[in-house]
Structures are given as structure tokens and as C-alpha cells.
Amino acid sequence: MGNPVDSDLLMRFRVDKVGDEQWIKAFVRADEFQEGNSSPLNGYGIRLDLKTQQLTMFKMENKNTYYLANADIDITTDWHWLRLRADQDQLAVKLWKADENELEDWILVHEISE
């Protein structure tokens, strides 16, 4: 039997404009979201910053943020796919244009331990 907190988030999205102060966040293995907060108390996530064109992977622990890895990306106003996966002891993310085949390699990978 696999880890009960393994998860795979697949999201299709597009933006109207790139370069503004906008971002997209997604979380896996997240627990409690306290009222008025956009991040969980504990969990793993990514932040896609449309202004800086950075994809950042991070960990939330008791509401503290720990940055794990980041990568430069090229977001356009085209449709894109984003996949965020927590699988056993690994957190991984990939991002690709919707009219292209899914990337075989992950953009960011981080070994996690609970």
C-alpha cells in the first residue's frame, strides 16, 4: 500500500497578462488553513510568480516558510499544465505548454523527510 498522503495535483491554466504582481500557489500534504490565510499551517507547495517568472518550491512548518528550490520559467498567455506531486519521500513539479507533450523530466525535485 502506498503512502496515504501521496498526491498528484494536475492543473490547466492560462493568464491574461504576464509581468504584473500576480502569482499562483498550490499545495500538497497540507493540513489546516487558518481563517484569512492563503497558506496552510503545514504542508508543501509551489509558487509561480508571473512578474519574476520564477517557480519556487517551499515547505510550510508551523506557519514558517522554508524555500527548497526554484527555477526560471517562461510563462506566456498560452494554456499551460502544472503538475505537483508528493510521492513517498519526493516532492516534484513540472510545467509545460498545453499544446505540447508533458515533459518527461521534472523541473524541480526535492527529497522530503517527515
PDB file of N, CA and C in Angstrom:
ATOM      1  N   MET A   1       0.828  -1.164   0.000  1.00  0.00           N
ATOM      2  CA  MET A   1       0.000   0.000   0.000  1.00  0.00           C
ATOM      3  C   MET A   1       0.884   1.243   0.000  1.00  0.00           C
ATOM      4  N   GLY A   2       0.514   2.250  -0.792  1.00  0.00           N
ATOM      5  CA  GLY A   2       1.282   3.483  -0.891  1.00  0.00           C
ATOM      6  C   GLY A   2       1.071   4.377   0.316  1.00  0.00           C
ATOM      7  N   ASN A   3       1.850   5.395   0.376  1.00  0.00           N
ATOM      8  CA  ASN A   3       1.738   6.393   1.437  1.00  0.00           C
ATOM      9  C   ASN A   3       0.375   7.079   1.337  1.00  0.00           C
ATOM     10  N   PRO A   4      -0.387   7.143   2.414  1.00  0.00           N
ATOM     11  CA  PRO A   4      -1.721   7.743   2.345  1.00  0.00           C
ATOM     12  C   PRO A   4      -1.708   9.246   2.069  1.00  0.00           C
ATOM     13  N   VAL A   5      -0.560   9.891   2.194  1.00  0.00           N
ATOM     14  CA  VAL A   5      -0.509  11.315   1.895  1.00  0.00           C
ATOM     15  C   VAL A   5       0.152  11.609   0.555  1.00  0.00           C
ATOM     16  N   ASP A   6       0.390  10.564  -0.254  1.00  0.00           N
ATOM     17  CA  ASP A   6       0.864  10.790  -1.612  1.00  0.00           C
ATOM     18  C   ASP A   6      -0.227  11.511  -2.381  1.00  0.00           C
ATOM     19  N   SER A   7       0.162  12.427  -3.223  1.00  0.00           N
ATOM     20  CA  SER A   7      -0.833  13.144  -4.012  1.00  0.00           C
ATOM     21  C   SER A   7      -0.229  13.640  -5.309  1.00  0.00           C
ATOM     22  N   ASP A   8      -1.110  13.898  -6.269  1.00  0.00           N
ATOM     23  CA  ASP A   8      -0.709  14.379  -7.578  1.00  0.00           C
ATOM     24  C   ASP A   8      -1.718  15.435  -7.992  1.00  0.00           C
ATOM     25  N   LEU A   9      -1.275  16.674  -8.098  1.00  0.00           N
ATOM     26  CA  LEU A   9      -2.130  17.773  -8.500  1.00  0.00           C
ATOM     27  C   LEU A   9      -1.798  18.113  -9.948  1.00  0.00           C
ATOM     28  N   LEU A  10      -2.809  18.099 -10.802  1.00  0.00           N
ATOM     29  CA  LEU A  10      -2.640  18.465 -12.203  1.00  0.00           C
ATOM     30  C   LEU A  10      -3.611  19.597 -12.485  1.00  0.00           C
ATOM     31  N   MET A  11      -3.069  20.728 -12.944  1.00  0.00           N
ATOM     32  CA  MET A  11      -3.894  21.917 -13.145  1.00  0.00           C
ATOM     33  C   MET A  11      -3.586  22.522 -14.513  1.00  0.00           C
ATOM     34  N   ARG A  12      -4.653  22.815 -15.264  1.00  0.00           N
ATOM     35  CA  ARG A  12      -4.519  23.517 -16.544  1.00  0.00           C
ATOM     36  C   ARG A  12      -4.902  24.970 -16.295  1.00  0.00           C
ATOM     37  N   PHE A  13      -4.076  25.900 -16.784  1.00  0.00           N
ATOM     38  CA  PHE A  13      -4.352  27.315 -16.523  1.00  0.00           C
ATOM     39  C   PHE A  13      -3.782  28.175 -17.652  1.00  0.00           C
ATOM     40  N   ARG A  14      -4.258  29.397 -17.696  1.00  0.00           N
ATOM     41  CA  ARG A  14      -3.654  30.427 -18.537  1.00  0.00           C
ATOM     42  C   ARG A  14      -3.856  31.765 -17.848  1.00  0.00           C
ATOM     43  N   VAL A  15      -3.045  32.717 -18.220  1.00  0.00           N
ATOM     44  CA  VAL A  15      -3.148  34.060 -17.649  1.00  0.00           C
ATOM     45  C   VAL A  15      -3.382  35.047 -18.780  1.00  0.00           C
ATOM     46  N   ASP A  16      -4.060  36.144 -18.455  1.00  0.00           N
ATOM     47  CA  ASP A  16      -4.338  37.179 -19.452  1.00  0.00           C
ATOM     48  C   ASP A  16      -3.135  38.057 -19.732  1.00  0.00           C
ATOM     49  N   LYS A  17      -2.263  38.197 -18.719  1.00  0.00           N
ATOM     50  CA  LYS A  17      -1.119  39.094 -18.846  1.00  0.00           C
ATOM     51  C   LYS A  17       0.022  38.567 -17.985  1.00  0.00           C
ATOM     52  N   VAL A  18       1.223  38.685 -18.495  1.00  0.00           N
ATOM     53  CA  VAL A  18       2.416  38.284 -17.749  1.00  0.00           C
ATOM     54  C   VAL A  18       3.178  39.545 -17.364  1.00  0.00           C
ATOM     55  N   GLY A  19       3.749  39.562 -16.190  1.00  0.00           N
ATOM     56  CA  GLY A  19       4.579  40.685 -15.775  1.00  0.00           C
ATOM     57  C   GLY A  19       3.992  41.488 -14.633  1.00  0.00           C
ATOM     58  N   ASP A  20       2.720  41.310 -14.348  1.00  0.00           N
ATOM     59  CA  ASP A  20       2.117  42.022 -13.226  1.00  0.00           C
ATOM     60  C   ASP A  20       2.454  41.319 -11.915  1.00  0.00           C
ATOM     61  N   GLU A  21       2.144  41.966 -10.825  1.00  0.00           N
ATOM     62  CA  GLU A  21       2.352  41.421  -9.481  1.00  0.00           C
ATOM     63  C   GLU A  21       1.261  40.375  -9.213  1.00  0.00           C
ATOM     64  N   GLN A  22       1.414  39.201  -9.827  1.00  0.00           N
ATOM     65  CA  GLN A  22       0.459  38.105  -9.659  1.00  0.00           C
ATOM     66  C   GLN A  22       1.232  36.816  -9.433  1.00  0.00           C
ATOM     67  N   TRP A  23       0.593  35.880  -8.752  1.00  0.00           N
ATOM     68  CA  TRP A  23       1.204  34.580  -8.540  1.00  0.00           C
ATOM     69  C   TRP A  23       0.119  33.523  -8.359  1.00  0.00           C
ATOM     70  N   ILE A  24       0.540  32.292  -8.543  1.00  0.00           N
ATOM     71  CA  ILE A  24      -0.318  31.127  -8.343  1.00  0.00           C
ATOM     72  C   ILE A  24       0.370  30.265  -7.298  1.00  0.00           C
ATOM     73  N   LYS A  25      -0.392  29.816  -6.293  1.00  0.00           N
ATOM     74  CA  LYS A  25       0.131  28.892  -5.287  1.00  0.00           C
ATOM     75  C   LYS A  25      -0.678  27.609  -5.329  1.00  0.00           C
ATOM     76  N   ALA A  26      -0.009  26.490  -5.084  1.00  0.00           N
ATOM     77  CA  ALA A  26      -0.673  25.192  -4.973  1.00  0.00           C
ATOM     78  C   ALA A  26       0.018  24.407  -3.866  1.00  0.00           C
ATOM     79  N   PHE A  27      -0.756  23.566  -3.172  1.00  0.00           N
ATOM     80  CA  PHE A  27      -0.231  22.826  -2.019  1.00  0.00           C
ATOM     81  C   PHE A  27      -0.579  21.346  -2.092  1.00  0.00           C
ATOM     82  N   VAL A  28       0.306  20.528  -1.522  1.00  0.00           N
ATOM     83  CA  VAL A  28       0.053  19.106  -1.291  1.00  0.00           C
ATOM     84  C   VAL A  28       0.451  18.801   0.151  1.00  0.00           C
ATOM     85  N   ARG A  29      -0.065  17.731   0.681  1.00  0.00           N
ATOM     86  CA  ARG A  29       0.179  17.344   2.078  1.00  0.00           C
ATOM     87  C   ARG A  29      -0.079  18.509   3.032  1.00  0.00           C
ATOM     88  N   ALA A  30      -1.074  19.295   2.723  1.00  0.00           N
ATOM     89  CA  ALA A  30      -1.397  20.465   3.538  1.00  0.00           C
ATOM     90  C   ALA A  30      -2.409  20.075   4.604  1.00  0.00           C
ATOM     91  N   ASP A  31      -2.271  20.693   5.757  1.00  0.00           N
ATOM     92  CA  ASP A  31      -3.226  20.411   6.824  1.00  0.00           C
ATOM     93  C   ASP A  31      -4.170  21.589   6.992  1.00  0.00           C
ATOM     94  N   GLU A  32      -4.123  22.236   8.086  1.00  0.00           N
ATOM     95  CA  GLU A  32      -5.094  23.258   8.467  1.00  0.00           C
ATOM     96  C   GLU A  32      -4.816  24.605   7.795  1.00  0.00           C
ATOM     97  N   PHE A  33      -5.838  25.146   7.128  1.00  0.00           N
ATOM     98  CA  PHE A  33      -5.792  26.514   6.611  1.00  0.00           C
ATOM     99  C   PHE A  33      -6.557  27.370   7.616  1.00  0.00           C
ATOM    100  N   GLN A  34      -5.848  28.222   8.328  1.00  0.00           N
ATOM    101  CA  GLN A  34      -6.498  29.064   9.323  1.00  0.00           C
ATOM    102  C   GLN A  34      -7.250  30.193   8.622  1.00  0.00           C
ATOM    103  N   GLU A  35      -8.308  30.640   9.225  1.00  0.00           N
ATOM    104  CA  GLU A  35      -9.168  31.652   8.629  1.00  0.00           C
ATOM    105  C   GLU A  35      -8.360  32.889   8.224  1.00  0.00           C
ATOM    106  N   GLY A  36      -8.578  33.332   6.981  1.00  0.00           N
ATOM    107  CA  GLY A  36      -7.910  34.521   6.471  1.00  0.00           C
ATOM    108  C   GLY A  36      -6.526  34.287   5.902  1.00  0.00           C
ATOM    109  N   ASN A  37      -6.037  33.044   5.904  1.00  0.00           N
ATOM    110  CA  ASN A  37      -4.705  32.740   5.390  1.00  0.00           C
ATOM    111  C   ASN A  37      -4.795  31.984   4.067  1.00  0.00           C
ATOM    112  N   SER A  38      -3.864  32.281   3.161  1.00  0.00           N
ATOM    113  CA  SER A  38      -3.829  31.584   1.877  1.00  0.00           C
ATOM    114  C   SER A  38      -2.820  30.440   1.873  1.00  0.00           C
ATOM    115  N   SER A  39      -2.201  30.168   3.009  1.00  0.00           N
ATOM    116  CA  SER A  39      -1.249  29.070   3.138  1.00  0.00           C
ATOM    117  C   SER A  39      -1.632  28.218   4.345  1.00  0.00           C
ATOM    118  N   PRO A  40      -1.323  26.924   4.286  1.00  0.00           N
ATOM    119  CA  PRO A  40      -1.647  26.056   5.417  1.00  0.00           C
ATOM    120  C   PRO A  40      -0.661  26.237   6.568  1.00  0.00           C
ATOM    121  N   LEU A  41      -1.005  25.701   7.699  1.00  0.00           N
ATOM    122  CA  LEU A  41      -0.098  25.690   8.837  1.00  0.00           C
ATOM    123  C   LEU A  41       1.134  24.841   8.511  1.00  0.00           C
ATOM    124  N   ASN A  42       0.894  23.661   7.898  1.00  0.00           N
ATOM    125  CA  ASN A  42       1.963  22.746   7.493  1.00  0.00           C
ATOM    126  C   ASN A  42       1.647  22.193   6.117  1.00  0.00           C
ATOM    127  N   GLY A  43       2.671  21.930   5.325  1.00  0.00           N
ATOM    128  CA  GLY A  43       2.478  21.336   4.007  1.00  0.00           C
ATOM    129  C   GLY A  43       3.604  21.727   3.061  1.00  0.00           C
ATOM    130  N   TYR A  44       3.474  21.268   1.829  1.00  0.00           N
ATOM    131  CA  TYR A  44       4.440  21.571   0.779  1.00  0.00           C
ATOM    132  C   TYR A  44       3.713  22.282  -0.346  1.00  0.00           C
ATOM    133  N   GLY A  45       4.418  23.176  -1.015  1.00  0.00           N
ATOM    134  CA  GLY A  45       3.758  23.904  -2.080  1.00  0.00           C
ATOM    135  C   GLY A  45       4.713  24.474  -3.096  1.00  0.00           C
ATOM    136  N   ILE A  46       4.105  25.096  -4.108  1.00  0.00           N
ATOM    137  CA  ILE A  46       4.848  25.825  -5.118  1.00  0.00           C
ATOM    138  C   ILE A  46       4.227  27.200  -5.269  1.00  0.00           C
ATOM    139  N   ARG A  47       5.039  28.124  -5.717  1.00  0.00           N
ATOM    140  CA  ARG A  47       4.571  29.465  -6.039  1.00  0.00           C
ATOM    141  C   ARG A  47       5.102  29.800  -7.426  1.00  0.00           C
ATOM    142  N   LEU A  48       4.190  30.143  -8.307  1.00  0.00           N
ATOM    143  CA  LEU A  48       4.522  30.551  -9.656  1.00  0.00           C
ATOM    144  C   LEU A  48       4.354  32.060  -9.716  1.00  0.00           C
ATOM    145  N   ASP A  49       5.456  32.787  -9.797  1.00  0.00           N
ATOM    146  CA  ASP A  49       5.442  34.252  -9.782  1.00  0.00           C
ATOM    147  C   ASP A  49       5.439  34.750 -11.224  1.00  0.00           C
ATOM    148  N   LEU A  50       4.356  35.419 -11.628  1.00  0.00           N
ATOM    149  CA  LEU A  50       4.213  35.875 -13.008  1.00  0.00           C
ATOM    150  C   LEU A  50       5.033  37.127 -13.306  1.00  0.00           C
ATOM    151  N   LYS A  51       5.459  37.833 -12.287  1.00  0.00           N
ATOM    152  CA  LYS A  51       6.278  39.027 -12.502  1.00  0.00           C
ATOM    153  C   LYS A  51       7.743  38.656 -12.706  1.00  0.00           C
ATOM    154  N   THR A  52       8.256  37.807 -11.824  1.00  0.00           N
ATOM    155  CA  THR A  52       9.678  37.443 -11.887  1.00  0.00           C
ATOM    156  C   THR A  52       9.940  36.213 -12.749  1.00  0.00           C
ATOM    157  N   GLN A  53       8.860  35.524 -13.180  1.00  0.00           N
ATOM    158  CA  GLN A  53       8.998  34.297 -13.968  1.00  0.00           C
ATOM    159  C   GLN A  53       9.824  33.257 -13.201  1.00  0.00           C
ATOM    160  N   GLN A  54       9.480  33.084 -11.912  1.00  0.00           N
ATOM    161  CA  GLN A  54      10.147  32.111 -11.053  1.00  0.00           C
ATOM    162  C   GLN A  54       9.142  31.086 -10.549  1.00  0.00           C
ATOM    163  N   LEU A  55       9.544  29.844 -10.533  1.00  0.00           N
ATOM    164  CA  LEU A  55       8.786  28.761  -9.928  1.00  0.00           C
ATOM    165  C   LEU A  55       9.553  28.351  -8.675  1.00  0.00           C
ATOM    166  N   THR A  56       8.913  28.470  -7.516  1.00  0.00           N
ATOM    167  CA  THR A  56       9.575  28.204  -6.246  1.00  0.00           C
ATOM    168  C   THR A  56       8.852  27.100  -5.490  1.00  0.00           C
ATOM    169  N   MET A  57       9.611  26.159  -4.984  1.00  0.00           N
ATOM    170  CA  MET A  57       9.091  25.065  -4.167  1.00  0.00           C
ATOM    171  C   MET A  57       9.412  25.389  -2.711  1.00  0.00           C
ATOM    172  N   PHE A  58       8.435  25.172  -1.815  1.00  0.00           N
ATOM    173  CA  PHE A  58       8.660  25.516  -0.415  1.00  0.00           C
ATOM    174  C   PHE A  58       7.929  24.563   0.517  1.00  0.00           C
ATOM    175  N   LYS A  59       8.290  24.661   1.787  1.00  0.00           N
ATOM    176  CA  LYS A  59       7.677  23.866   2.848  1.00  0.00           C
ATOM    177  C   LYS A  59       7.127  24.819   3.893  1.00  0.00           C
ATOM    178  N   MET A  60       5.918  24.548   4.368  1.00  0.00           N
ATOM    179  CA  MET A  60       5.339  25.296   5.488  1.00  0.00           C
ATOM    180  C   MET A  60       5.431  24.406   6.721  1.00  0.00           C
ATOM    181  N   GLU A  61       5.991  24.937   7.794  1.00  0.00           N
ATOM    182  CA  GLU A  61       6.093  24.191   9.041  1.00  0.00           C
ATOM    183  C   GLU A  61       5.738  25.136  10.180  1.00  0.00           C
ATOM    184  N   ASN A  62       4.600  24.856  10.823  1.00  0.00           N
ATOM    185  CA  ASN A  62       4.088  25.738  11.880  1.00  0.00           C
ATOM    186  C   ASN A  62       4.003  27.188  11.402  1.00  0.00           C
ATOM    187  N   LYS A  63       3.533  27.361  10.189  1.00  0.00           N
ATOM    188  CA  LYS A  63       3.303  28.646   9.525  1.00  0.00           C
ATOM    189  C   LYS A  63       4.584  29.365   9.101  1.00  0.00           C
ATOM    190  N   ASN A  64       5.742  28.725   9.305  1.00  0.00           N
ATOM    191  CA  ASN A  64       7.013  29.270   8.829  1.00  0.00           C
ATOM    192  C   ASN A  64       7.287  28.718   7.435  1.00  0.00           C
ATOM    193  N   THR A  65       7.829  29.555   6.563  1.00  0.00           N
ATOM    194  CA  THR A  65       8.114  29.156   5.192  1.00  0.00           C
ATOM    195  C   THR A  65       9.597  28.852   5.030  1.00  0.00           C
ATOM    196  N   TYR A  66       9.894  27.684   4.435  1.00  0.00           N
ATOM    197  CA  TYR A  66      11.260  27.268   4.141  1.00  0.00           C
ATOM    198  C   TYR A  66      11.350  27.011   2.643  1.00  0.00           C
ATOM    199  N   TYR A  67      12.183  27.789   1.937  1.00  0.00           N
ATOM    200  CA  TYR A  67      12.319  27.656   0.492  1.00  0.00           C
ATOM    201  C   TYR A  67      13.249  26.495   0.175  1.00  0.00           C
ATOM    202  N   LEU A  68      12.800  25.621  -0.726  1.00  0.00           N
ATOM    203  CA  LEU A  68      13.523  24.393  -1.030  1.00  0.00           C
ATOM    204  C   LEU A  68      14.287  24.456  -2.348  1.00  0.00           C
ATOM    205  N   ALA A  69      13.685  25.060  -3.370  1.00  0.00           N
ATOM    206  CA  ALA A  69      14.321  25.126  -4.685  1.00  0.00           C
ATOM    207  C   ALA A  69      13.540  26.105  -5.552  1.00  0.00           C
ATOM    208  N   ASN A  70      14.207  26.620  -6.586  1.00  0.00           N
ATOM    209  CA  ASN A  70      13.483  27.444  -7.539  1.00  0.00           C
ATOM    210  C   ASN A  70      14.085  27.307  -8.925  1.00  0.00           C
ATOM    211  N   ALA A  71      13.321  27.732  -9.924  1.00  0.00           N
ATOM    212  CA  ALA A  71      13.757  27.643 -11.311  1.00  0.00           C
ATOM    213  C   ALA A  71      13.164  28.799 -12.096  1.00  0.00           C
ATOM    214  N   ASP A  72      13.926  29.268 -13.076  1.00  0.00           N
ATOM    215  CA  ASP A  72      13.404  30.253 -14.018  1.00  0.00           C
ATOM    216  C   ASP A  72      12.460  29.546 -14.979  1.00  0.00           C
ATOM    217  N   ILE A  73      11.359  30.191 -15.322  1.00  0.00           N
ATOM    218  CA  ILE A  73      10.377  29.611 -16.235  1.00  0.00           C
ATOM    219  C   ILE A  73      10.017  30.636 -17.292  1.00  0.00           C
ATOM    220  N   ASP A  74       9.290  30.184 -18.293  1.00  0.00           N
ATOM    221  CA  ASP A  74       8.844  31.071 -19.358  1.00  0.00           C
ATOM    222  C   ASP A  74       7.333  30.917 -19.505  1.00  0.00           C
ATOM    223  N   ILE A  75       6.599  31.763 -18.804  1.00  0.00           N
ATOM    224  CA  ILE A  75       5.142  31.736 -18.872  1.00  0.00           C
ATOM    225  C   ILE A  75       4.686  32.716 -19.944  1.00  0.00           C
ATOM    226  N   THR A  76       3.738  32.286 -20.740  1.00  0.00           N
ATOM    227  CA  THR A  76       3.122  33.134 -21.749  1.00  0.00           C
ATOM    228  C   THR A  76       1.624  33.178 -21.472  1.00  0.00           C
ATOM    229  N   THR A  77       0.891  33.807 -22.334  1.00  0.00           N
ATOM    230  CA  THR A  77      -0.567  33.846 -22.179  1.00  0.00           C
ATOM    231  C   THR A  77      -1.230  32.613 -22.780  1.00  0.00           C
ATOM    232  N   ASP A  78      -0.443  31.648 -23.246  1.00  0.00           N
ATOM    233  CA  ASP A  78      -0.979  30.371 -23.738  1.00  0.00           C
ATOM    234  C   ASP A  78      -1.449  29.515 -22.565  1.00  0.00           C
ATOM    235  N   TRP A  79      -2.225  28.478 -22.867  1.00  0.00           N
ATOM    236  CA  TRP A  79      -2.609  27.500 -21.847  1.00  0.00           C
ATOM    237  C   TRP A  79      -1.385  26.697 -21.440  1.00  0.00           C
ATOM    238  N   HIS A  80      -1.299  26.391 -20.138  1.00  0.00           N
ATOM    239  CA  HIS A  80      -0.206  25.593 -19.583  1.00  0.00           C
ATOM    240  C   HIS A  80      -0.779  24.501 -18.677  1.00  0.00           C
ATOM    241  N   TRP A  81       0.032  23.489 -18.448  1.00  0.00           N
ATOM    242  CA  TRP A  81      -0.242  22.458 -17.442  1.00  0.00           C
ATOM    243  C   TRP A  81       0.794  22.607 -16.339  1.00  0.00           C
ATOM    244  N   LEU A  82       0.358  22.384 -15.112  1.00  0.00           N
ATOM    245  CA  LEU A  82       1.234  22.359 -13.949  1.00  0.00           C
ATOM    246  C   LEU A  82       0.948  21.058 -13.210  1.00  0.00           C
ATOM    247  N   ARG A  83       1.986  20.288 -12.920  1.00  0.00           N
ATOM    248  CA  ARG A  83       1.843  19.059 -12.132  1.00  0.00           C
ATOM    249  C   ARG A  83       2.720  19.164 -10.900  1.00  0.00           C
ATOM    250  N   LEU A  84       2.102  18.968  -9.737  1.00  0.00           N
ATOM    251  CA  LEU A  84       2.798  18.967  -8.450  1.00  0.00           C
ATOM    252  C   LEU A  84       2.541  17.621  -7.801  1.00  0.00           C
ATOM    253  N   ARG A  85       3.603  16.918  -7.465  1.00  0.00           N
ATOM    254  CA  ARG A  85       3.452  15.559  -6.928  1.00  0.00           C
ATOM    255  C   ARG A  85       4.254  15.378  -5.651  1.00  0.00           C
ATOM    256  N   ALA A  86       3.596  14.799  -4.665  1.00  0.00           N
ATOM    257  CA  ALA A  86       4.263  14.321  -3.453  1.00  0.00           C
ATOM    258  C   ALA A  86       4.136  12.809  -3.489  1.00  0.00           C
ATOM    259  N   ASP A  87       5.262  12.126  -3.615  1.00  0.00           N
ATOM    260  CA  ASP A  87       5.262  10.684  -3.785  1.00  0.00           C
ATOM    261  C   ASP A  87       6.312  10.089  -2.852  1.00  0.00           C
ATOM    262  N   GLN A  88       5.833   9.414  -1.824  1.00  0.00           N
ATOM    263  CA  GLN A  88       6.686   8.834  -0.793  1.00  0.00           C
ATOM    264  C   GLN A  88       7.585   9.900  -0.192  1.00  0.00           C
ATOM    265  N   ASP A  89       8.858   9.945  -0.551  1.00  0.00           N
ATOM    266  CA  ASP A  89       9.772  10.909   0.059  1.00  0.00           C
ATOM    267  C   ASP A  89      10.287  11.936  -0.943  1.00  0.00           C
ATOM    268  N   GLN A  90       9.476  12.220  -1.977  1.00  0.00           N
ATOM    269  CA  GLN A  90       9.913  13.147  -3.006  1.00  0.00           C
ATOM    270  C   GLN A  90       8.801  14.126  -3.377  1.00  0.00           C
ATOM    271  N   LEU A  91       9.178  15.380  -3.516  1.00  0.00           N
ATOM    272  CA  LEU A  91       8.284  16.429  -3.987  1.00  0.00           C
ATOM    273  C   LEU A  91       8.819  16.871  -5.341  1.00  0.00           C
ATOM    274  N   ALA A  92       7.939  16.967  -6.336  1.00  0.00           N
ATOM    275  CA  ALA A  92       8.393  17.304  -7.682  1.00  0.00           C
ATOM    276  C   ALA A  92       7.340  18.145  -8.402  1.00  0.00           C
ATOM    277  N   VAL A  93       7.818  18.982  -9.326  1.00  0.00           N
ATOM    278  CA  VAL A  93       6.915  19.849 -10.091  1.00  0.00           C
ATOM    279  C   VAL A  93       7.417  19.944 -11.530  1.00  0.00           C
ATOM    280  N   LYS A  94       6.452  20.032 -12.453  1.00  0.00           N
ATOM    281  CA  LYS A  94       6.771  20.302 -13.850  1.00  0.00           C
ATOM    282  C   LYS A  94       5.716  21.219 -14.424  1.00  0.00           C
ATOM    283  N   LEU A  95       6.081  21.928 -15.473  1.00  0.00           N
ATOM    284  CA  LEU A  95       5.231  22.925 -16.092  1.00  0.00           C
ATOM    285  C   LEU A  95       5.505  22.886 -17.590  1.00  0.00           C
ATOM    286  N   TRP A  96       4.436  22.833 -18.398  1.00  0.00           N
ATOM    287  CA  TRP A  96       4.618  22.790 -19.840  1.00  0.00           C
ATOM    288  C   TRP A  96       3.409  23.407 -20.536  1.00  0.00           C
ATOM    289  N   LYS A  97       3.607  23.824 -21.802  1.00  0.00           N
ATOM    290  CA  LYS A  97       2.513  24.386 -22.586  1.00  0.00           C
ATOM    291  C   LYS A  97       1.517  23.290 -22.923  1.00  0.00           C
ATOM    292  N   ALA A  98       0.242  23.640 -22.897  1.00  0.00           N
ATOM    293  CA  ALA A  98      -0.819  22.653 -23.086  1.00  0.00           C
ATOM    294  C   ALA A  98      -0.810  22.024 -24.473  1.00  0.00           C
ATOM    295  N   ASP A  99      -0.290  22.713 -25.471  1.00  0.00           N
ATOM    296  CA  ASP A  99      -0.271  22.152 -26.824  1.00  0.00           C
ATOM    297  C   ASP A  99       0.979  21.307 -27.091  1.00  0.00           C
ATOM    298  N   GLU A 100       1.786  21.078 -26.045  1.00  0.00           N
ATOM    299  CA  GLU A 100       2.985  20.252 -26.155  1.00  0.00           C
ATOM    300  C   GLU A 100       2.817  19.000 -25.309  1.00  0.00           C
ATOM    301  N   ASN A 101       3.657  18.000 -25.552  1.00  0.00           N
ATOM    302  CA  ASN A 101       3.627  16.788 -24.740  1.00  0.00           C
ATOM    303  C   ASN A 101       4.154  17.087 -23.338  1.00  0.00           C
ATOM    304  N   GLU A 102       3.637  16.358 -22.367  1.00  0.00           N
ATOM    305  CA  GLU A 102       4.119  16.519 -20.999  1.00  0.00           C
ATOM    306  C   GLU A 102       5.608  16.216 -20.942  1.00  0.00           C
ATOM    307  N   LEU A 103       6.321  17.047 -20.203  1.00  0.00           N
ATOM    308  CA  LEU A 103       7.754  16.841 -20.029  1.00  0.00           C
ATOM    309  C   LEU A 103       8.008  15.508 -19.338  1.00  0.00           C
ATOM    310  N   GLU A 104       9.066  14.840 -19.725  1.00  0.00           N
ATOM    311  CA  GLU A 104       9.435  13.605 -19.033  1.00  0.00           C
ATOM    312  C   GLU A 104      10.149  13.912 -17.727  1.00  0.00           C
ATOM    313  N   ASP A 105      10.969  14.938 -17.738  1.00  0.00           N
ATOM    314  CA  ASP A 105      11.751  15.303 -16.548  1.00  0.00           C
ATOM    315  C   ASP A 105      11.015  16.350 -15.732  1.00  0.00           C
ATOM    316  N   TRP A 106      11.204  16.299 -14.437  1.00  0.00           N
ATOM    317  CA  TRP A 106      10.653  17.290 -13.531  1.00  0.00           C
ATOM    318  C   TRP A 106      11.523  18.532 -13.562  1.00  0.00           C
ATOM    319  N   ILE A 107      10.906  19.708 -13.419  1.00  0.00           N
ATOM    320  CA  ILE A 107      11.671  20.958 -13.377  1.00  0.00           C
ATOM    321  C   ILE A 107      12.382  21.085 -12.033  1.00  0.00           C
ATOM    322  N   LEU A 108      11.660  20.795 -10.955  1.00  0.00           N
ATOM    323  CA  LEU A 108      12.216  20.837  -9.608  1.00  0.00           C
ATOM    324  C   LEU A 108      11.899  19.539  -8.891  1.00  0.00           C
ATOM    325  N   VAL A 109      12.875  19.027  -8.157  1.00  0.00           N
ATOM    326  CA  VAL A 109      12.706  17.818  -7.348  1.00  0.00           C
ATOM    327  C   VAL A 109      13.369  18.062  -6.008  1.00  0.00           C
ATOM    328  N   HIS A 110      12.684  17.656  -4.944  1.00  0.00           N
ATOM    329  CA  HIS A 110      13.262  17.804  -3.612  1.00  0.00           C
ATOM    330  C   HIS A 110      12.929  16.564  -2.785  1.00  0.00           C
ATOM    331  N   GLU A 111      13.958  16.006  -2.151  1.00  0.00           N
ATOM    332  CA  GLU A 111      13.758  14.863  -1.261  1.00  0.00           C
ATOM    333  C   GLU A 111      13.187  15.378   0.050  1.00  0.00           C
ATOM    334  N   ILE A 112      12.105  14.758   0.517  1.00  0.00           N
ATOM    335  CA  ILE A 112      11.483  15.196   1.760  1.00  0.00           C
ATOM    336  C   ILE A 112      11.540  14.084   2.800  1.00  0.00           C
ATOM    337  N   SER A 113      11.568  14.498   4.043  1.00  0.00           N
ATOM    338  CA  SER A 113      11.523  13.540   5.138  1.00  0.00           C
ATOM    339  C   SER A 113      10.537  14.072   6.171  1.00  0.00           C
ATOM    340  N   GLU A 114       9.735  13.214   6.695  1.00  0.00           N
ATOM    341  CA  GLU A 114       8.711  13.621   7.674  1.00  0.00           C
ATOM    342  C   GLU A 114       9.204  13.318   9.069  1.00  0.00           C
TER     343      GLU A 114
END
